Amino acid sequence: MTLSIATDNMIRTRYILLSLLLLSAVVHSQNKCSVNYFTELNAIMSKGDYAPFWLTANRQGLSSVDKANGYARAGLSLTGDFATGKYHYKAVADVVGGYNQTTNLALHQLYGELSWRWLTLSVGQKECFGEMSALSVIDNGAQFSDNRVTALFPNLYNNRFYSLGSGAQGYSGNSRPIPQVRIEIPEYINFPWTKEWVKVRAHIAYGMFMDGGFQEDFSTGNRNTRYTKNVLYHSKAFFVKVGKPERFPITFEGGLEMYSQFAGDVYKHGEGKTLSMPNGVEDFFKAFIPMSGSDETPSGEQNNISGNQVGNWHFALTLHTKPVDVRLYGQHMFEDFSQLFFVEYQSDINGDRNIIYYPWKDIMVGVNVKNKSSFLPFISNVNYEYIATYNQSGAGYNDPGPHFTEQMDGVDDYYNHSIYAGWHNYGMGIGNPLVFSPLYNRNGSLRFAGNRLKAHHVGVNGAVGEKLPFVYRLMYTYSENWGTYYNPFNNKRYTTSLVADIGFAPKKSKWMATLSLAYDKSNWIGENLGVMFSVARVGIFK
């Protein structure tokens, strides 16, 4: 075990202890308690250059780009309440042993959770999913939720069949969970004095990336790649929902989420530590309210925003009718303050800053149609998305200086950063996976090689059968990629990816099995054909 990995494990232990302390503080006074367990086996076999894209993406980092990979997984869930039901607690431990994974043995989840009314505090490493993502519940034909696997551990398979989108721009569930302390309103609650017409939810979290050892090992063969350790994490979000479907058929939903990488140490092979970013109380505050860096940071941070700041606007409008619900939704990504609003900053030759109107050109727009009628009962949802990230405020960028005083905003270089390794965890991108993760880089680089893309994405899901219920999901994606502004591709890269997921979920059964077939045709990641099989069993300790 290397020193870097040992250090990461020591830091991880702090989060484990916090999780156990939160749990021990409540268990002794419990009124009732339920202990559930699950086991899962997963295997992927494929031919080509990599495992097919949709067998790898948006699976909480439980994946590998290797053609043959798999894992065995086991977990426990402890839930209950105390103080006559006023407080609820939950604790989860989830361990994965992998073959051809980024780590052969990993603590995938370990967290404790305490809830009071509508407020929840969680401490530890927990799976999170994209905000306002295209989660399309299957509620026709077989009752997917009646299966005990999906009822007791919904994250195991529900998201695989419910999610018809390509993935959120800021946080999609594509990478492994990040240990954090998180306080949140997880579900919408009524805002006072609005007679239930307005609802809100929100969260604030601070944590730490644990992949410093992985970054060092992965980039060993690339002397020009920097890697980071002890980098801190921050996220926050606020969402509002307006409407009463029973009174008026249209509802609006919108909000803002922001993420940050800050503090930490920067290394380079052969040179050792090259930079230590400050991690004082002031820096935690600057992560919460983005501001310029202090004198301890590089000049670029002092001219702009301290740390790596990533944000995402969300909007959705839903028309509720008796036969169908039609949901139009959109997302807009931004880095630092560039394209936060419909403006950009430029300075004239005298250094006087001007504000110019700049429309959002990098967007995700989607439409989801949910079938509530008896017509075509085997189709529950149809979803379409258009994704564009190729503009990035334009191809030019300059900070004013003594020799060239004009300022120009541009080259946002999504998910990459001038100091940090980038917006990824254990080599898998945290944002939309269509921006292919550094794990695909054969040269040991930790940068995203192609973040300027446009794509079309279609998904369908549903269920058939009553006595022998099957659930399914079909997705098709076509994307074009130009590389980055700093390192454009000589020729445009294209990728076509398809996947068919089928799940056998007998009602009231403790078992569930899934089979996935996937195919890629690409002049970037090659032609790949693969199959994934998984089986899970759950139980209850009485």
Protein backbone atom coordinates (compact mmCIF):
# COMPACT_ATOMS: atom_id res chain seq x y z
CA MET A 1 0.00 0.00 0.00
CA THR A 2 1.43 3.35 -0.99
CA LEU A 3 1.68 6.26 1.41
CA SER A 4 -0.87 8.24 -0.64
CA ILE A 5 -3.47 5.49 -0.42
CA ALA A 6 -2.84 5.08 3.30
CA THR A 7 -3.40 8.81 3.81
CA ASP A 8 -6.66 8.64 1.87
CA ASN A 9 -7.81 5.75 4.06
CA MET A 10 -7.00 7.70 7.24
CA ILE A 11 -9.16 10.58 6.03
CA ARG A 12 -11.92 8.20 5.05
CA THR A 13 -11.85 6.75 8.58
CA ARG A 14 -12.86 10.15 9.98
CA TYR A 15 -16.08 10.04 7.97
CA ILE A 16 -16.69 6.44 9.09
CA LEU A 17 -16.34 7.46 12.73
CA LEU A 18 -18.69 10.42 12.25
CA SER A 19 -21.25 8.11 10.67
CA LEU A 20 -21.00 5.62 13.53
CA LEU A 21 -21.25 8.37 16.15
CA LEU A 22 -24.42 9.70 14.54
CA LEU A 23 -25.87 6.20 14.55
CA SER A 24 -24.88 5.38 18.15
CA ALA A 25 -26.44 8.63 19.35
CA VAL A 26 -29.90 7.43 18.37
CA VAL A 27 -29.99 3.62 18.45
CA HIS A 28 -30.06 3.34 22.26
CA SER A 29 -33.39 5.24 22.42
CA GLN A 30 -35.14 3.58 19.47
CA ASN A 31 -38.80 2.59 19.50
CA LYS A 32 -38.69 0.26 16.51
CA CYS A 33 -35.96 -0.89 14.16
CA SER A 34 -35.63 -2.75 10.88
CA VAL A 35 -32.43 -4.31 9.57
CA ASN A 36 -32.31 -5.25 5.88
CA TYR A 37 -29.51 -6.76 3.80
CA PHE A 38 -28.74 -7.18 0.13
CA THR A 39 -26.24 -9.02 -2.02
CA GLU A 40 -25.52 -8.43 -5.70
CA LEU A 41 -23.36 -10.00 -8.39
CA ASN A 42 -22.60 -8.07 -11.58
CA ALA A 43 -20.55 -9.06 -14.63
CA ILE A 44 -19.78 -7.38 -17.98
CA MET A 45 -18.36 -9.18 -21.01
CA SER A 46 -17.70 -7.33 -24.26
CA LYS A 47 -15.53 -7.10 -27.32
CA GLY A 48 -14.01 -4.00 -28.85
CA ASP A 49 -11.82 -1.29 -27.37
CA TYR A 50 -13.85 -0.62 -24.21
CA ALA A 51 -16.93 -1.80 -22.39
CA PRO A 52 -19.95 -0.19 -24.15
CA PHE A 53 -20.66 3.34 -22.95
CA TRP A 54 -24.11 2.76 -21.44
CA LEU A 55 -22.81 -0.19 -19.42
CA THR A 56 -20.38 2.25 -17.77
CA ALA A 57 -22.16 5.62 -17.48
CA ASN A 58 -24.37 6.89 -14.63
CA ARG A 59 -23.82 3.88 -12.38
CA GLN A 60 -22.39 5.65 -9.30
CA GLY A 61 -18.86 4.65 -10.31
CA LEU A 62 -19.72 0.94 -10.05
CA SER A 63 -18.32 0.42 -13.51
CA SER A 64 -15.17 0.13 -15.55
CA VAL A 65 -14.18 0.91 -19.12
CA ASP A 66 -12.39 -2.48 -19.29
CA LYS A 67 -13.95 -4.96 -21.70
CA ALA A 68 -14.39 -7.57 -18.95
CA ASN A 69 -15.18 -6.43 -15.44
CA GLY A 70 -17.52 -7.12 -12.55
CA TYR A 71 -18.08 -6.98 -8.84
CA ALA A 72 -19.67 -8.64 -5.84
CA ARG A 73 -21.53 -6.32 -3.52
CA ALA A 74 -23.13 -6.65 -0.09
CA GLY A 75 -24.87 -4.13 2.12
CA LEU A 76 -26.84 -3.57 5.31
CA SER A 77 -29.51 -0.97 6.04
CA LEU A 78 -30.67 -0.08 9.55
CA THR A 79 -33.78 2.11 9.84
CA GLY A 80 -36.03 3.12 12.71
CA ASP A 81 -37.42 5.95 14.78
CA PHE A 82 -37.40 7.16 18.37
CA ALA A 83 -38.98 9.78 20.60
CA THR A 84 -42.46 8.48 19.69
CA GLY A 85 -41.76 8.70 16.00
CA LYS A 86 -40.60 12.34 15.88
CA TYR A 87 -37.10 11.40 14.76
CA HIS A 88 -36.09 8.87 12.13
CA TYR A 89 -32.66 7.41 11.54
CA LYS A 90 -30.98 5.36 8.88
CA ALA A 91 -27.54 3.80 8.55
CA VAL A 92 -26.13 2.03 5.51
CA ALA A 93 -22.94 0.03 4.98
CA ASP A 94 -22.17 -1.08 1.41
CA VAL A 95 -18.98 -2.92 0.39
CA VAL A 96 -17.87 -3.81 -3.14
CA GLY A 97 -15.21 -6.27 -4.27
CA GLY A 98 -14.35 -5.66 -7.91
CA TYR A 99 -12.60 -7.24 -10.87
CA ASN A 100 -10.94 -4.79 -13.30
CA GLN A 101 -12.46 -1.89 -11.36
CA THR A 102 -10.64 1.28 -10.28
CA THR A 103 -10.22 -0.35 -6.85
CA ASN A 104 -10.41 -4.08 -6.11
CA LEU A 105 -12.04 -3.56 -2.72
CA ALA A 106 -14.01 -0.43 -1.91
CA LEU A 107 -16.31 0.94 0.75
CA HIS A 108 -18.98 2.19 -1.64
CA GLN A 109 -21.36 3.61 0.96
CA LEU A 110 -21.18 4.17 4.69
CA TYR A 111 -23.36 6.83 6.22
CA GLY A 112 -25.67 7.71 9.06
CA GLU A 113 -28.78 9.79 8.62
CA LEU A 114 -31.03 11.56 11.14
CA SER A 115 -34.34 13.17 10.14
CA TRP A 116 -36.72 15.45 12.01
CA ARG A 117 -39.92 16.43 10.24
CA TRP A 118 -38.75 17.67 6.82
CA LEU A 119 -35.07 18.19 7.69
CA THR A 120 -32.33 15.55 7.27
CA LEU A 121 -28.70 15.46 8.40
CA SER A 122 -26.46 12.82 6.80
CA VAL A 123 -22.80 12.11 7.50
CA GLY A 124 -20.66 9.82 5.38
CA GLN A 125 -20.45 8.42 1.89
CA LYS A 126 -23.87 8.15 0.24
CA GLU A 127 -25.10 7.72 -3.33
CA CYS A 128 -26.60 10.93 -4.74
CA PHE A 129 -28.37 11.52 -8.03
CA GLY A 130 -28.79 14.40 -10.43
CA GLU A 131 -31.13 17.20 -9.43
CA MET A 132 -34.34 17.44 -11.48
CA SER A 133 -33.04 14.69 -13.79
CA ALA A 134 -35.27 12.74 -16.17
CA LEU A 135 -36.52 10.16 -13.66
CA SER A 136 -39.46 8.52 -15.41
CA VAL A 137 -41.31 6.18 -13.04
CA ILE A 138 -42.76 2.97 -14.46
CA ASP A 139 -46.35 2.67 -13.25
CA ASN A 140 -48.09 0.69 -15.99
CA GLY A 141 -48.29 -3.08 -16.35
CA ALA A 142 -46.24 -4.91 -13.72
CA GLN A 143 -45.81 -3.14 -10.41
CA PHE A 144 -42.06 -2.71 -10.35
CA SER A 145 -42.12 -1.31 -6.82
CA ASP A 146 -43.88 -4.43 -5.50
CA ASN A 147 -40.68 -6.37 -5.92
CA ARG A 148 -38.93 -6.53 -2.55
CA VAL A 149 -35.51 -5.75 -4.02
CA THR A 150 -36.66 -2.41 -5.38
CA ALA A 151 -38.85 -1.71 -2.37
CA LEU A 152 -36.18 -2.26 0.29
CA PHE A 153 -33.17 -0.96 -1.70
CA PRO A 154 -34.55 1.30 -4.45
CA ASN A 155 -31.13 2.59 -5.50
CA LEU A 156 -30.05 -0.88 -6.64
CA TYR A 157 -32.14 -0.98 -9.81
CA ASN A 158 -34.85 1.68 -9.76
CA ASN A 159 -32.59 4.39 -11.12
CA ARG A 160 -31.34 2.15 -13.91
CA PHE A 161 -34.86 1.69 -15.25
CA TYR A 162 -36.37 5.03 -14.21
CA SER A 163 -33.63 7.29 -15.56
CA LEU A 164 -34.19 8.02 -19.24
CA GLY A 165 -31.96 11.09 -19.44
CA SER A 166 -28.31 11.34 -20.42
CA GLY A 167 -27.37 12.79 -17.02
CA ALA A 168 -27.43 16.16 -15.30
CA GLN A 169 -24.79 18.74 -16.19
CA GLY A 170 -23.47 19.40 -12.69
CA TYR A 171 -23.92 16.12 -10.82
CA SER A 172 -25.28 13.07 -12.62
CA GLY A 173 -24.47 10.04 -10.45
CA ASN A 174 -21.78 8.99 -12.92
CA SER A 175 -18.97 8.76 -10.35
CA ARG A 176 -18.45 7.22 -6.93
CA PRO A 177 -20.07 8.92 -3.90
CA ILE A 178 -18.11 11.70 -2.20
CA PRO A 179 -17.89 11.58 1.64
CA GLN A 180 -19.62 14.63 3.04
CA VAL A 181 -21.65 16.21 5.80
CA ARG A 182 -24.97 17.19 4.26
CA ILE A 183 -28.02 18.96 5.66
CA GLU A 184 -31.03 19.09 3.37
CA ILE A 185 -34.73 19.28 2.74
CA PRO A 186 -34.81 16.17 0.53
CA GLU A 187 -38.45 16.42 -0.55
CA TYR A 188 -40.55 19.46 -1.45
CA ILE A 189 -42.27 21.10 1.52
CA ASN A 190 -45.02 23.72 1.46
CA PHE A 191 -43.80 27.31 1.67
CA PRO A 192 -45.75 29.24 4.36
CA TRP A 193 -48.70 31.48 3.45
CA THR A 194 -49.00 30.18 -0.13
CA LYS A 195 -51.88 27.74 0.48
CA GLU A 196 -49.72 24.89 -0.84
CA TRP A 197 -49.19 26.55 -4.23
CA VAL A 198 -45.43 27.01 -3.61
CA LYS A 199 -43.04 24.30 -2.41
CA VAL A 200 -39.28 24.38 -1.80
CA ARG A 201 -36.35 22.05 -1.14
CA ALA A 202 -32.62 22.66 -0.66
CA HIS A 203 -29.32 21.29 0.59
CA ILE A 204 -25.85 22.39 1.78
CA ALA A 205 -22.89 20.01 2.00
CA TYR A 206 -19.15 19.97 2.67
CA GLY A 207 -16.90 16.97 2.10
CA MET A 208 -13.59 15.70 0.78
CA PHE A 209 -12.39 13.85 -2.33
CA MET A 210 -10.70 10.54 -1.51
CA ASP A 211 -9.19 9.75 -4.91
CA GLY A 212 -5.74 11.27 -4.46
CA GLY A 213 -4.04 7.86 -4.48
CA PHE A 214 -5.93 6.84 -7.61
CA GLN A 215 -4.97 10.08 -9.39
CA GLU A 216 -1.30 9.53 -8.59
CA ASP A 217 -1.31 5.92 -9.80
CA PHE A 218 -3.39 6.57 -12.94
CA SER A 219 -1.20 9.45 -14.12
CA THR A 220 2.16 7.83 -13.35
CA GLY A 221 3.07 7.41 -17.02
CA ASN A 222 2.31 11.05 -17.90
CA ARG A 223 4.99 13.42 -16.60
CA ASN A 224 3.02 16.51 -17.68
CA THR A 225 -0.15 15.69 -15.74
CA ARG A 226 -0.72 17.20 -12.33
CA TYR A 227 -2.69 15.34 -9.69
CA THR A 228 -4.27 16.49 -6.44
CA LYS A 229 -4.79 15.24 -2.90
CA ASN A 230 -6.88 16.33 0.09
CA VAL A 231 -9.16 18.44 -2.11
CA LEU A 232 -12.33 19.61 -0.35
CA TYR A 233 -15.85 19.53 -1.76
CA HIS A 234 -18.84 21.82 -1.39
CA SER A 235 -22.31 21.80 -2.88
CA LYS A 236 -25.55 23.70 -2.40
CA ALA A 237 -28.89 23.87 -4.15
CA PHE A 238 -32.28 25.54 -3.88
CA PHE A 239 -35.38 24.57 -5.85
CA VAL A 240 -38.92 25.90 -5.97
CA LYS A 241 -42.08 24.30 -7.35
CA VAL A 242 -45.22 26.30 -8.16
CA GLY A 243 -48.60 24.77 -8.90
CA LYS A 244 -51.42 22.49 -7.84
CA PRO A 245 -52.19 19.90 -10.55
CA GLU A 246 -55.61 19.23 -9.00
CA ARG A 247 -56.51 22.92 -9.38
CA PHE A 248 -54.53 24.00 -12.46
CA PRO A 249 -52.96 21.70 -15.09
CA ILE A 250 -49.55 23.42 -15.36
CA THR A 251 -46.75 23.33 -12.78
CA PHE A 252 -43.41 25.12 -12.85
CA GLU A 253 -40.18 23.94 -11.25
CA GLY A 254 -36.81 25.62 -11.19
CA GLY A 255 -33.66 26.16 -9.21
CA LEU A 256 -29.92 26.53 -8.97
CA GLU A 257 -27.21 24.11 -7.86
CA MET A 258 -23.54 24.98 -7.37
CA TYR A 259 -20.49 22.84 -6.67
CA SER A 260 -16.91 23.62 -5.70
CA GLN A 261 -13.49 22.05 -5.40
CA PHE A 262 -11.24 23.99 -3.04
CA ALA A 263 -8.19 23.68 -0.76
CA GLY A 264 -5.97 20.61 -1.29
CA ASP A 265 -2.45 20.02 -2.60
CA VAL A 266 -1.24 19.89 -6.19
CA TYR A 267 1.52 17.48 -7.25
CA LYS A 268 3.50 16.67 -10.37
CA HIS A 269 5.45 13.49 -11.03
CA GLY A 270 9.14 14.02 -10.52
CA GLU A 271 8.59 17.37 -8.78
CA GLY A 272 6.49 16.44 -5.74
CA LYS A 273 4.13 18.99 -4.24
CA THR A 274 4.01 22.13 -6.35
CA LEU A 275 1.18 24.06 -4.68
CA SER A 276 -0.92 24.02 -1.52
CA MET A 277 -4.24 25.84 -1.74
CA PRO A 278 -5.43 27.54 1.47
CA ASN A 279 -8.04 25.76 3.60
CA GLY A 280 -8.91 28.22 6.35
CA VAL A 281 -12.35 29.30 7.55
CA GLU A 282 -12.30 32.08 4.97
CA ASP A 283 -11.90 29.52 2.18
CA PHE A 284 -14.94 27.52 3.35
CA PHE A 285 -16.89 30.76 3.16
CA LYS A 286 -15.54 31.54 -0.31
CA ALA A 287 -16.65 28.11 -1.48
CA PHE A 288 -20.16 28.94 -0.24
CA ILE A 289 -20.21 32.45 -1.74
CA PRO A 290 -17.78 32.40 -4.71
CA MET A 291 -15.19 35.18 -4.43
CA SER A 292 -11.70 35.96 -5.66
CA GLY A 293 -8.78 34.08 -4.15
CA SER A 294 -6.49 35.46 -1.46
CA ASP A 295 -2.82 36.36 -1.83
CA GLU A 296 -1.98 32.71 -1.07
CA THR A 297 -3.56 31.59 -4.36
CA PRO A 298 -2.18 31.88 -7.93
CA SER A 299 -2.84 35.10 -9.82
CA GLY A 300 -5.55 33.47 -11.95
CA GLU A 301 -7.56 32.73 -8.80
CA GLN A 302 -7.10 36.32 -7.61
CA ASN A 303 -8.39 37.71 -10.91
CA ASN A 304 -11.35 35.34 -11.05
CA ILE A 305 -12.97 32.94 -8.55
CA SER A 306 -11.15 30.88 -5.94
CA GLY A 307 -11.37 27.14 -6.53
CA ASN A 308 -13.14 25.20 -9.24
CA GLN A 309 -16.74 26.45 -9.30
CA VAL A 310 -19.34 24.55 -11.34
CA GLY A 311 -23.02 25.47 -11.50
CA ASN A 312 -26.24 24.47 -13.16
CA TRP A 313 -29.59 26.20 -13.68
CA HIS A 314 -32.70 23.99 -13.89
CA PHE A 315 -36.15 24.71 -15.33
CA ALA A 316 -39.18 22.50 -15.92
CA LEU A 317 -42.77 23.06 -17.04
CA THR A 318 -45.27 20.20 -16.79
CA LEU A 319 -48.69 19.94 -18.43
CA HIS A 320 -50.94 17.52 -16.56
CA THR A 321 -53.74 15.89 -18.55
CA LYS A 322 -55.79 12.76 -17.99
CA PRO A 323 -54.10 10.57 -20.64
CA VAL A 324 -50.52 11.95 -20.40
CA ASP A 325 -48.21 14.30 -18.54
CA VAL A 326 -45.89 16.32 -20.77
CA ARG A 327 -42.79 17.75 -19.08
CA LEU A 328 -40.50 20.24 -20.82
CA TYR A 329 -37.25 20.71 -18.93
CA GLY A 330 -33.92 22.41 -19.39
CA GLN A 331 -30.51 22.87 -17.83
CA HIS A 332 -27.76 25.42 -18.32
CA MET A 333 -24.24 24.85 -17.07
CA PHE A 334 -21.73 27.54 -16.12
CA GLU A 335 -18.17 27.74 -14.75
CA ASP A 336 -17.28 30.38 -12.16
CA PHE A 337 -19.47 33.41 -13.00
CA SER A 338 -19.09 32.99 -16.76
CA GLN A 339 -22.61 32.57 -18.22
CA LEU A 340 -24.17 32.57 -14.76
CA PHE A 341 -26.60 35.11 -16.20
CA PHE A 342 -27.23 36.36 -19.74
CA VAL A 343 -24.14 38.59 -19.65
CA GLU A 344 -20.41 38.48 -20.26
CA TYR A 345 -17.69 40.96 -19.31
CA GLN A 346 -15.32 42.74 -21.64
CA SER A 347 -12.96 45.66 -21.11
CA ASP A 348 -11.98 48.34 -23.57
CA ILE A 349 -8.43 49.45 -24.29
CA ASN A 350 -8.48 51.72 -21.23
CA GLY A 351 -9.40 48.86 -18.95
CA ASP A 352 -12.99 50.03 -18.34
CA ARG A 353 -15.21 46.97 -17.94
CA ASN A 354 -18.35 46.69 -20.05
CA ILE A 355 -21.22 44.27 -19.65
CA ILE A 356 -22.63 42.79 -22.84
CA TYR A 357 -25.69 40.62 -23.44
CA TYR A 358 -24.73 37.01 -24.17
CA PRO A 359 -27.47 34.38 -24.69
CA TRP A 360 -27.13 30.89 -23.26
CA LYS A 361 -25.85 28.70 -26.07
CA ASP A 362 -24.73 25.70 -23.99
CA ILE A 363 -27.91 24.02 -22.81
CA MET A 364 -29.73 20.79 -22.30
CA VAL A 365 -33.38 20.75 -23.39
CA GLY A 366 -35.61 17.73 -22.91
CA VAL A 367 -39.21 16.61 -23.16
CA ASN A 368 -40.77 13.69 -21.31
CA VAL A 369 -44.18 12.19 -22.08
CA LYS A 370 -45.66 9.99 -19.35
CA ASN A 371 -48.40 7.60 -20.41
CA LYS A 372 -51.28 7.42 -17.88
CA SER A 373 -53.87 5.86 -20.19
CA SER A 374 -54.65 2.28 -21.23
CA PHE A 375 -53.35 3.02 -24.74
CA LEU A 376 -50.03 1.24 -25.34
CA PRO A 377 -49.87 0.13 -21.68
CA PHE A 378 -46.42 -1.43 -22.15
CA ILE A 379 -44.93 2.07 -22.68
CA SER A 380 -44.68 4.19 -19.53
CA ASN A 381 -42.44 7.07 -20.64
CA VAL A 382 -40.81 8.46 -23.76
CA ASN A 383 -37.97 10.97 -23.36
CA TYR A 384 -35.86 13.13 -25.70
CA GLU A 385 -32.90 15.42 -24.95
CA TYR A 386 -30.71 17.80 -26.91
CA ILE A 387 -27.36 18.63 -25.30
CA ALA A 388 -24.89 21.33 -26.38
CA THR A 389 -21.62 22.32 -24.68
CA TYR A 390 -19.57 23.53 -27.65
CA ASN A 391 -19.77 27.34 -27.25
CA GLN A 392 -18.27 27.88 -23.76
CA SER A 393 -18.53 31.70 -24.03
CA GLY A 394 -16.42 31.74 -27.16
CA ALA A 395 -12.90 30.81 -28.21
CA GLY A 396 -10.99 33.77 -26.74
CA TYR A 397 -9.96 34.54 -23.15
CA ASN A 398 -7.73 37.15 -21.54
CA ASP A 399 -7.30 38.69 -18.10
CA PRO A 400 -6.23 42.36 -18.20
CA GLY A 401 -2.56 42.97 -17.53
CA PRO A 402 0.11 45.64 -17.96
CA HIS A 403 0.73 44.79 -21.63
CA PHE A 404 -2.83 43.99 -22.77
CA THR A 405 -5.54 45.73 -20.76
CA GLU A 406 -8.58 44.38 -22.60
CA GLN A 407 -10.52 41.61 -20.90
CA MET A 408 -12.29 38.87 -22.78
CA ASP A 409 -14.35 36.07 -21.18
CA GLY A 410 -14.38 32.73 -22.96
CA VAL A 411 -12.83 29.24 -23.19
CA ASP A 412 -14.72 28.07 -20.12
CA ASP A 413 -13.18 24.60 -20.67
CA TYR A 414 -16.01 22.72 -18.96
CA TYR A 415 -15.02 20.24 -16.22
CA ASN A 416 -11.28 21.05 -16.62
CA HIS A 417 -9.40 23.48 -14.40
CA SER A 418 -6.07 25.28 -14.39
CA ILE A 419 -5.19 24.05 -10.87
CA TYR A 420 -7.32 21.03 -10.00
CA ALA A 421 -7.27 17.77 -11.92
CA GLY A 422 -10.87 18.36 -13.01
CA TRP A 423 -14.51 17.72 -12.15
CA HIS A 424 -14.22 13.95 -11.71
CA ASN A 425 -13.87 11.36 -8.96
CA TYR A 426 -11.79 8.19 -9.41
CA GLY A 427 -11.48 9.04 -13.10
CA MET A 428 -15.22 9.20 -13.78
CA GLY A 429 -16.76 12.57 -14.61
CA ILE A 430 -19.14 13.93 -11.98
CA GLY A 431 -21.20 15.82 -14.56
CA ASN A 432 -22.81 14.64 -17.79
CA PRO A 433 -21.07 11.42 -18.93
CA LEU A 434 -21.35 12.34 -22.63
CA VAL A 435 -18.25 14.43 -21.92
CA PHE A 436 -16.15 11.27 -21.83
CA SER A 437 -14.34 10.76 -18.54
CA PRO A 438 -10.54 10.83 -18.07
CA LEU A 439 -10.78 7.08 -17.40
CA TYR A 440 -10.88 6.69 -21.20
CA ASN A 441 -7.48 8.40 -21.58
CA ARG A 442 -4.79 5.88 -22.47
CA ASN A 443 -1.98 8.40 -21.87
CA GLY A 444 -2.56 8.88 -18.14
CA SER A 445 -3.99 12.39 -18.53
CA LEU A 446 -6.55 13.46 -15.93
CA ARG A 447 -8.10 16.08 -18.20
CA PHE A 448 -11.32 15.79 -20.19
CA ALA A 449 -10.12 15.41 -23.77
CA GLY A 450 -13.37 16.48 -25.43
CA ASN A 451 -15.81 18.83 -23.71
CA ARG A 452 -17.20 20.62 -26.80
CA LEU A 453 -20.09 18.50 -27.99
CA LYS A 454 -23.65 18.38 -29.17
CA ALA A 455 -25.83 15.31 -28.80
CA HIS A 456 -29.29 13.85 -29.28
CA HIS A 457 -30.60 11.32 -26.77
CA VAL A 458 -33.82 9.24 -26.73
CA GLY A 459 -35.15 6.88 -24.06
CA VAL A 460 -38.21 4.67 -23.53
CA ASN A 461 -39.21 2.53 -20.56
CA GLY A 462 -42.14 0.41 -19.46
CA ALA A 463 -43.28 -2.93 -18.08
CA VAL A 464 -45.07 -6.01 -19.36
CA GLY A 465 -46.65 -8.99 -17.66
CA GLU A 466 -48.43 -9.57 -14.38
CA LYS A 467 -47.59 -13.10 -13.28
CA LEU A 468 -44.11 -12.88 -14.83
CA PRO A 469 -43.40 -9.16 -14.78
CA PHE A 470 -40.58 -7.68 -16.83
CA VAL A 471 -39.41 -4.05 -16.85
CA TYR A 472 -37.32 -2.56 -19.61
CA ARG A 473 -35.43 0.54 -20.71
CA LEU A 474 -34.20 1.40 -24.22
CA MET A 475 -31.85 4.33 -24.95
CA TYR A 476 -30.14 5.70 -28.04
CA THR A 477 -27.53 8.49 -28.08
CA TYR A 478 -25.70 10.21 -30.91
CA SER A 479 -23.00 12.79 -30.12
CA GLU A 480 -20.44 14.85 -32.00
CA ASN A 481 -17.33 16.20 -30.29
CA TRP A 482 -14.73 18.80 -31.32
CA GLY A 483 -12.28 18.25 -28.42
CA THR A 484 -11.41 21.37 -26.41
CA TYR A 485 -10.52 24.90 -27.46
CA TYR A 486 -6.97 24.40 -26.22
CA ASN A 487 -6.57 20.97 -27.88
CA PRO A 488 -9.10 20.56 -30.69
CA PHE A 489 -9.44 17.27 -32.52
CA ASN A 490 -8.02 17.17 -36.04
CA ASN A 491 -11.25 15.50 -37.16
CA LYS A 492 -14.65 15.65 -35.51
CA ARG A 493 -15.38 12.62 -33.32
CA TYR A 494 -18.77 10.98 -33.39
CA THR A 495 -20.29 8.30 -31.16
CA THR A 496 -23.48 6.28 -31.44
CA SER A 497 -24.46 4.33 -28.33
CA LEU A 498 -27.42 2.03 -27.70
CA VAL A 499 -28.55 0.01 -24.70
CA ALA A 500 -31.43 -2.33 -23.86
CA ASP A 501 -32.00 -3.07 -20.16
CA ILE A 502 -34.40 -5.85 -19.14
CA GLY A 503 -35.29 -6.67 -15.54
CA PHE A 504 -37.17 -9.70 -14.23
CA ALA A 505 -38.91 -8.53 -11.05
CA PRO A 506 -41.49 -10.99 -9.67
CA LYS A 507 -43.91 -9.42 -7.19
CA LYS A 508 -43.10 -9.93 -3.52
CA SER A 509 -39.91 -11.75 -4.54
CA LYS A 510 -36.61 -11.33 -2.72
CA TRP A 511 -34.79 -11.77 -6.03
CA MET A 512 -34.33 -9.63 -9.12
CA ALA A 513 -32.25 -10.24 -12.23
CA THR A 514 -31.29 -7.84 -15.01
CA LEU A 515 -29.76 -8.27 -18.43
CA SER A 516 -28.32 -5.41 -20.52
CA LEU A 517 -27.15 -5.40 -24.12
CA ALA A 518 -25.18 -2.39 -25.39
CA TYR A 519 -23.37 -1.29 -28.54
CA ASP A 520 -21.12 1.63 -29.56
CA LYS A 521 -19.93 2.73 -32.95
CA SER A 522 -17.44 5.56 -32.71
CA ASN A 523 -14.26 6.97 -34.23
CA TRP A 524 -13.21 7.84 -30.66
CA ILE A 525 -14.01 4.97 -28.30
CA GLY A 526 -14.24 2.37 -31.08
CA GLU A 527 -16.83 -0.28 -31.92
CA ASN A 528 -17.92 -2.07 -28.77
CA LEU A 529 -20.51 -4.79 -28.16
CA GLY A 530 -21.23 -6.09 -24.69
CA VAL A 531 -23.59 -7.75 -22.28
CA MET A 532 -24.10 -7.11 -18.57
CA PHE A 533 -25.82 -9.48 -16.18
CA SER A 534 -26.66 -8.84 -12.54
CA VAL A 535 -28.69 -10.58 -9.87
CA ALA A 536 -29.61 -9.33 -6.41
CA ARG A 537 -31.26 -10.75 -3.32
CA VAL A 538 -32.57 -8.92 -0.28
CA GLY A 539 -33.72 -9.99 3.15
CA ILE A 540 -34.80 -8.77 6.55
CA PHE A 541 -33.24 -9.60 9.90
CA LYS A 542 -36.16 -9.86 12.31
